[in-house]
PDB file of N, CA and C in Angstrom:
ATOM      1  N   MET A   1      99.222 125.559 131.904  1.00  0.00           N
ATOM      2  CA  MET A   1      99.287 125.468 130.459  1.00  0.00           C
ATOM      3  C   MET A   1     100.753 125.366 130.001  1.00  0.00           C
ATOM      4  N   LYS A   2     101.631 126.134 130.623  1.00  0.00           N
ATOM      5  CA  LYS A   2     103.046 126.083 130.275  1.00  0.00           C
ATOM      6  C   LYS A   2     103.624 124.703 130.560  1.00  0.00           C
ATOM      7  N   ASN A   3     103.177 124.072 131.648  1.00  0.00           N
ATOM      8  CA  ASN A   3     103.639 122.733 131.999  1.00  0.00           C
ATOM      9  C   ASN A   3     103.248 121.725 130.914  1.00  0.00           C
ATOM     10  N   LEU A   4     102.046 121.846 130.409  1.00  0.00           N
ATOM     11  CA  LEU A   4     101.570 120.948 129.353  1.00  0.00           C
ATOM     12  C   LEU A   4     102.400 121.131 128.085  1.00  0.00           C
ATOM     13  N   PHE A   5     102.678 122.380 127.741  1.00  0.00           N
ATOM     14  CA  PHE A   5     103.480 122.669 126.552  1.00  0.00           C
ATOM     15  C   PHE A   5     104.909 122.140 126.717  1.00  0.00           C
ATOM     16  N   ASP A   6     105.498 122.320 127.889  1.00  0.00           N
ATOM     17  CA  ASP A   6     106.849 121.807 128.156  1.00  0.00           C
ATOM     18  C   ASP A   6     106.903 120.286 128.036  1.00  0.00           C
ATOM     19  N   ARG A   7     105.876 119.617 128.551  1.00  0.00           N
ATOM     20  CA  ARG A   7     105.829 118.143 128.439  1.00  0.00           C
ATOM     21  C   ARG A   7     105.720 117.722 126.979  1.00  0.00           C
ATOM     22  N   PHE A   8     104.916 118.456 126.210  1.00  0.00           N
ATOM     23  CA  PHE A   8     104.731 118.133 124.793  1.00  0.00           C
ATOM     24  C   PHE A   8     106.041 118.294 124.022  1.00  0.00           C
ATOM     25  N   VAL A   9     106.787 119.350 124.312  1.00  0.00           N
ATOM     26  CA  VAL A   9     108.046 119.612 123.613  1.00  0.00           C
ATOM     27  C   VAL A   9     109.084 118.549 123.965  1.00  0.00           C
ATOM     28  N   LYS A  10     109.106 118.105 125.222  1.00  0.00           N
ATOM     29  CA  LYS A  10     110.105 117.129 125.658  1.00  0.00           C
ATOM     30  C   LYS A  10     109.754 115.700 125.273  1.00  0.00           C
ATOM     31  N   ASP A  11     108.501 115.450 124.927  1.00  0.00           N
ATOM     32  CA  ASP A  11     108.069 114.084 124.591  1.00  0.00           C
ATOM     33  C   ASP A  11     108.573 113.739 123.197  1.00  0.00           C
ATOM     34  N   GLU A  12     109.449 112.731 123.108  1.00  0.00           N
ATOM     35  CA  GLU A  12     110.023 112.325 121.824  1.00  0.00           C
ATOM     36  C   GLU A  12     109.514 110.973 121.356  1.00  0.00           C
ATOM     37  N   SER A  13     108.524 110.415 122.010  1.00  0.00           N
ATOM     38  CA  SER A  13     108.046 109.086 121.625  1.00  0.00           C
ATOM     39  C   SER A  13     107.402 109.100 120.244  1.00  0.00           C
ATOM     40  N   GLY A  14     106.721 110.180 119.898  1.00  0.00           N
ATOM     41  CA  GLY A  14     106.125 110.274 118.564  1.00  0.00           C
ATOM     42  C   GLY A  14     107.185 110.343 117.484  1.00  0.00           C
ATOM     43  N   ALA A  15     108.234 111.116 117.741  1.00  0.00           N
ATOM     44  CA  ALA A  15     109.324 111.226 116.773  1.00  0.00           C
ATOM     45  C   ALA A  15     110.028 109.887 116.606  1.00  0.00           C
ATOM     46  N   THR A  16     110.199 109.160 117.693  1.00  0.00           N
ATOM     47  CA  THR A  16     110.844 107.852 117.615  1.00  0.00           C
ATOM     48  C   THR A  16     110.003 106.886 116.791  1.00  0.00           C
ATOM     49  N   ALA A  17     108.699 106.916 116.995  1.00  0.00           N
ATOM     50  CA  ALA A  17     107.815 106.040 116.223  1.00  0.00           C
ATOM     51  C   ALA A  17     107.884 106.367 114.734  1.00  0.00           C
ATOM     52  N   ILE A  18     107.942 107.646 114.412  1.00  0.00           N
ATOM     53  CA  ILE A  18     108.040 108.049 113.006  1.00  0.00           C
ATOM     54  C   ILE A  18     109.372 107.592 112.421  1.00  0.00           C
ATOM     55  N   GLU A  19     110.442 107.713 113.189  1.00  0.00           N
ATOM     56  CA  GLU A  19     111.752 107.264 112.703  1.00  0.00           C
ATOM     57  C   GLU A  19     111.755 105.767 112.443  1.00  0.00           C
ATOM     58  N   TYR A  20     111.182 105.002 113.355  1.00  0.00           N
ATOM     59  CA  TYR A  20     111.106 103.551 113.132  1.00  0.00           C
ATOM     60  C   TYR A  20     110.250 103.232 111.912  1.00  0.00           C
ATOM     61  N   GLY A  21     109.199 103.979 111.709  1.00  0.00           N
ATOM     62  CA  GLY A  21     108.362 103.779 110.527  1.00  0.00           C
ATOM     63  C   GLY A  21     109.123 104.059 109.241  1.00  0.00           C
ATOM     64  N   LEU A  22     109.906 105.126 109.247  1.00  0.00           N
ATOM     65  CA  LEU A  22     110.705 105.454 108.055  1.00  0.00           C
ATOM     66  C   LEU A  22     111.762 104.398 107.793  1.00  0.00           C
ATOM     67  N   ILE A  23     112.403 103.920 108.849  1.00  0.00           N
ATOM     68  CA  ILE A  23     113.405 102.866 108.682  1.00  0.00           C
ATOM     69  C   ILE A  23     112.760 101.605 108.111  1.00  0.00           C
ATOM     70  N   ALA A  24     111.603 101.236 108.636  1.00  0.00           N
ATOM     71  CA  ALA A  24     110.893 100.049 108.131  1.00  0.00           C
ATOM     72  C   ALA A  24     110.505 100.231 106.667  1.00  0.00           C
ATOM     73  N   ALA A  25     110.082 101.429 106.299  1.00  0.00           N
ATOM     74  CA  ALA A  25     109.710 101.694 104.908  1.00  0.00           C
ATOM     75  C   ALA A  25     110.929 101.586 103.987  1.00  0.00           C
ATOM     76  N   LEU A  26     112.064 102.124 104.413  1.00  0.00           N
ATOM     77  CA  LEU A  26     113.276 102.047 103.594  1.00  0.00           C
ATOM     78  C   LEU A  26     113.760 100.607 103.438  1.00  0.00           C
ATOM     79  N   ILE A  27     113.681  99.835 104.512  1.00  0.00           N
ATOM     80  CA  ILE A  27     114.069  98.427 104.425  1.00  0.00           C
ATOM     81  C   ILE A  27     113.135  97.687 103.475  1.00  0.00           C
ATOM     82  N   SER A  28     111.846  97.987 103.539  1.00  0.00           N
ATOM     83  CA  SER A  28     110.878  97.338 102.648  1.00  0.00           C
ATOM     84  C   SER A  28     111.167  97.665 101.192  1.00  0.00           C
ATOM     85  N   VAL A  29     111.457  98.923 100.909  1.00  0.00           N
ATOM     86  CA  VAL A  29     111.772  99.323  99.534  1.00  0.00           C
ATOM     87  C   VAL A  29     113.033  98.614  99.047  1.00  0.00           C
ATOM     88  N   ALA A  30     114.040  98.506  99.913  1.00  0.00           N
ATOM     89  CA  ALA A  30     115.272  97.823  99.529  1.00  0.00           C
ATOM     90  C   ALA A  30     115.021  96.339  99.252  1.00  0.00           C
ATOM     91  N   LEU A  31     114.212  95.702 100.097  1.00  0.00           N
ATOM     92  CA  LEU A  31     113.905  94.283  99.883  1.00  0.00           C
ATOM     93  C   LEU A  31     113.112  94.067  98.600  1.00  0.00           C
ATOM     94  N   ILE A  32     112.146  94.915  98.345  1.00  0.00           N
ATOM     95  CA  ILE A  32     111.337  94.788  97.122  1.00  0.00           C
ATOM     96  C   ILE A  32     112.206  94.998  95.886  1.00  0.00           C
ATOM     97  N   THR A  33     113.088  95.998  95.936  1.00  0.00           N
ATOM     98  CA  THR A  33     113.976  96.265  94.805  1.00  0.00           C
ATOM     99  C   THR A  33     114.914  95.086  94.565  1.00  0.00           C
ATOM    100  N   GLY A  34     115.483  94.557  95.644  1.00  0.00           N
ATOM    101  CA  GLY A  34     116.380  93.410  95.503  1.00  0.00           C
ATOM    102  C   GLY A  34     115.670  92.181  94.976  1.00  0.00           C
ATOM    103  N   ALA A  35     114.469  91.919  95.475  1.00  0.00           N
ATOM    104  CA  ALA A  35     113.719  90.753  95.015  1.00  0.00           C
ATOM    105  C   ALA A  35     113.320  90.901  93.546  1.00  0.00           C
ATOM    106  N   THR A  36     112.958  92.093  93.142  1.00  0.00           N
ATOM    107  CA  THR A  36     112.594  92.330  91.741  1.00  0.00           C
ATOM    108  C   THR A  36     113.795  92.133  90.828  1.00  0.00           C
ATOM    109  N   THR A  37     114.939  92.666  91.235  1.00  0.00           N
ATOM    110  CA  THR A  37     116.155  92.515  90.437  1.00  0.00           C
ATOM    111  C   THR A  37     116.556  91.047  90.332  1.00  0.00           C
ATOM    112  N   LEU A  38     116.515  90.348  91.448  1.00  0.00           N
ATOM    113  CA  LEU A  38     116.857  88.927  91.436  1.00  0.00           C
ATOM    114  C   LEU A  38     115.865  88.141  90.575  1.00  0.00           C
ATOM    115  N   GLY A  39     114.597  88.454  90.695  1.00  0.00           N
ATOM    116  CA  GLY A  39     113.580  87.766  89.896  1.00  0.00           C
ATOM    117  C   GLY A  39     113.783  87.980  88.408  1.00  0.00           C
ATOM    118  N   ASN A  40     114.110  89.211  88.021  1.00  0.00           N
ATOM    119  CA  ASN A  40     114.351  89.493  86.600  1.00  0.00           C
ATOM    120  C   ASN A  40     115.594  88.759  86.095  1.00  0.00           C
ATOM    121  N   ALA A  41     116.633  88.718  86.920  1.00  0.00           N
ATOM    122  CA  ALA A  41     117.856  88.017  86.522  1.00  0.00           C
ATOM    123  C   ALA A  41     117.593  86.520  86.361  1.00  0.00           C
ATOM    124  N   LEU A  42     116.849  85.937  87.296  1.00  0.00           N
ATOM    125  CA  LEU A  42     116.520  84.513  87.188  1.00  0.00           C
ATOM    126  C   LEU A  42     115.640  84.237  85.967  1.00  0.00           C
ATOM    127  N   ASN A  43     114.713  85.122  85.715  1.00  0.00           N
ATOM    128  CA  ASN A  43     113.841  84.961  84.552  1.00  0.00           C
ATOM    129  C   ASN A  43     114.658  84.981  83.263  1.00  0.00           C
ATOM    130  N   ASN A  44     115.627  85.888  83.190  1.00  0.00           N
ATOM    131  CA  ASN A  44     116.491  85.940  82.000  1.00  0.00           C
ATOM    132  C   ASN A  44     117.301  84.656  81.855  1.00  0.00           C
ATOM    133  N   GLN A  45     117.815  84.127  82.945  1.00  0.00           N
ATOM    134  CA  GLN A  45     118.593  82.887  82.893  1.00  0.00           C
ATOM    135  C   GLN A  45     117.731  81.720  82.407  1.00  0.00           C
ATOM    136  N   PHE A  46     116.531  81.619  82.939  1.00  0.00           N
ATOM    137  CA  PHE A  46     115.642  80.537  82.516  1.00  0.00           C
ATOM    138  C   PHE A  46     115.206  80.697  81.059  1.00  0.00           C
ATOM    139  N   ASP A  47     115.021  81.923  80.620  1.00  0.00           N
ATOM    140  CA  ASP A  47     114.681  82.148  79.211  1.00  0.00           C
ATOM    141  C   ASP A  47     115.824  81.706  78.294  1.00  0.00           C
ATOM    142  N   GLN A  48     117.060  82.045  78.681  1.00  0.00           N
ATOM    143  CA  GLN A  48     118.211  81.632  77.882  1.00  0.00           C
ATOM    144  C   GLN A  48     118.351  80.115  77.859  1.00  0.00           C
ATOM    145  N   LEU A  49     118.160  79.481  78.996  1.00  0.00           N
ATOM    146  CA  LEU A  49     118.232  78.021  79.071  1.00  0.00           C
ATOM    147  C   LEU A  49     117.139  77.385  78.220  1.00  0.00           C
ATOM    148  N   SER A  50     115.957  77.939  78.283  1.00  0.00           N
ATOM    149  CA  SER A  50     114.841  77.423  77.484  1.00  0.00           C
ATOM    150  C   SER A  50     115.134  77.557  75.985  1.00  0.00           C
ATOM    151  N   ASP A  51     115.694  78.692  75.600  1.00  0.00           N
ATOM    152  CA  ASP A  51     116.038  78.892  74.184  1.00  0.00           C
ATOM    153  C   ASP A  51     117.075  77.865  73.726  1.00  0.00           C
ATOM    154  N   LYS A  52     118.089  77.602  74.573  1.00  0.00           N
ATOM    155  CA  LYS A  52     119.114  76.622  74.207  1.00  0.00           C
ATOM    156  C   LYS A  52     118.526  75.217  74.100  1.00  0.00           C
ATOM    157  N   LEU A  53     117.632  74.862  75.032  1.00  0.00           N
ATOM    158  CA  LEU A  53     117.019  73.533  74.976  1.00  0.00           C
ATOM    159  C   LEU A  53     116.117  73.395  73.764  1.00  0.00           C
ATOM    160  N   ASN A  54     115.374  74.442  73.439  1.00  0.00           N
ATOM    161  CA  ASN A  54     114.503  74.389  72.272  1.00  0.00           C
ATOM    162  C   ASN A  54     115.302  74.327  70.985  1.00  0.00           C
ATOM    163  N   TYR A  55     116.434  75.007  70.934  1.00  0.00           N
ATOM    164  CA  TYR A  55     117.277  75.004  69.738  1.00  0.00           C
ATOM    165  C   TYR A  55     117.869  73.618  69.536  1.00  0.00           C
ATOM    166  N   LYS A  56     118.338  72.983  70.609  1.00  0.00           N
ATOM    167  CA  LYS A  56     118.955  71.665  70.485  1.00  0.00           C
ATOM    168  C   LYS A  56     117.915  70.593  70.165  1.00  0.00           C
ATOM    169  N   SER A  57     116.732  70.719  70.697  1.00  0.00           N
ATOM    170  CA  SER A  57     115.723  69.695  70.437  1.00  0.00           C
ATOM    171  C   SER A  57     115.116  69.876  69.039  1.00  0.00           C
ATOM    172  N   GLY A  58     115.230  71.043  68.462  1.00  0.00           N
ATOM    173  CA  GLY A  58     114.694  71.289  67.130  1.00  0.00           C
ATOM    174  C   GLY A  58     115.625  70.854  66.016  1.00  0.00           C
ATOM    175  N   SER A  59     116.883  70.565  66.325  1.00  0.00           N
ATOM    176  CA  SER A  59     117.868  70.190  65.287  1.00  0.00           C
ATOM    177  C   SER A  59     117.656  68.792  64.824  1.00  0.00           C
TER     178      SER A  59
END
């Protein structure tokens, strides 16, 4: 029984898998945040361009 417990304590493969999972989750959150920010910035640029085109065509 002690041998089984010693093997369990020394086994770090589960901890490594959890660490890789956390790293993947953090990278995903960073990518989603960056894509959302970029999308909002592009949307604002296109809205401004659309407003300028509509203003000039309405004159």
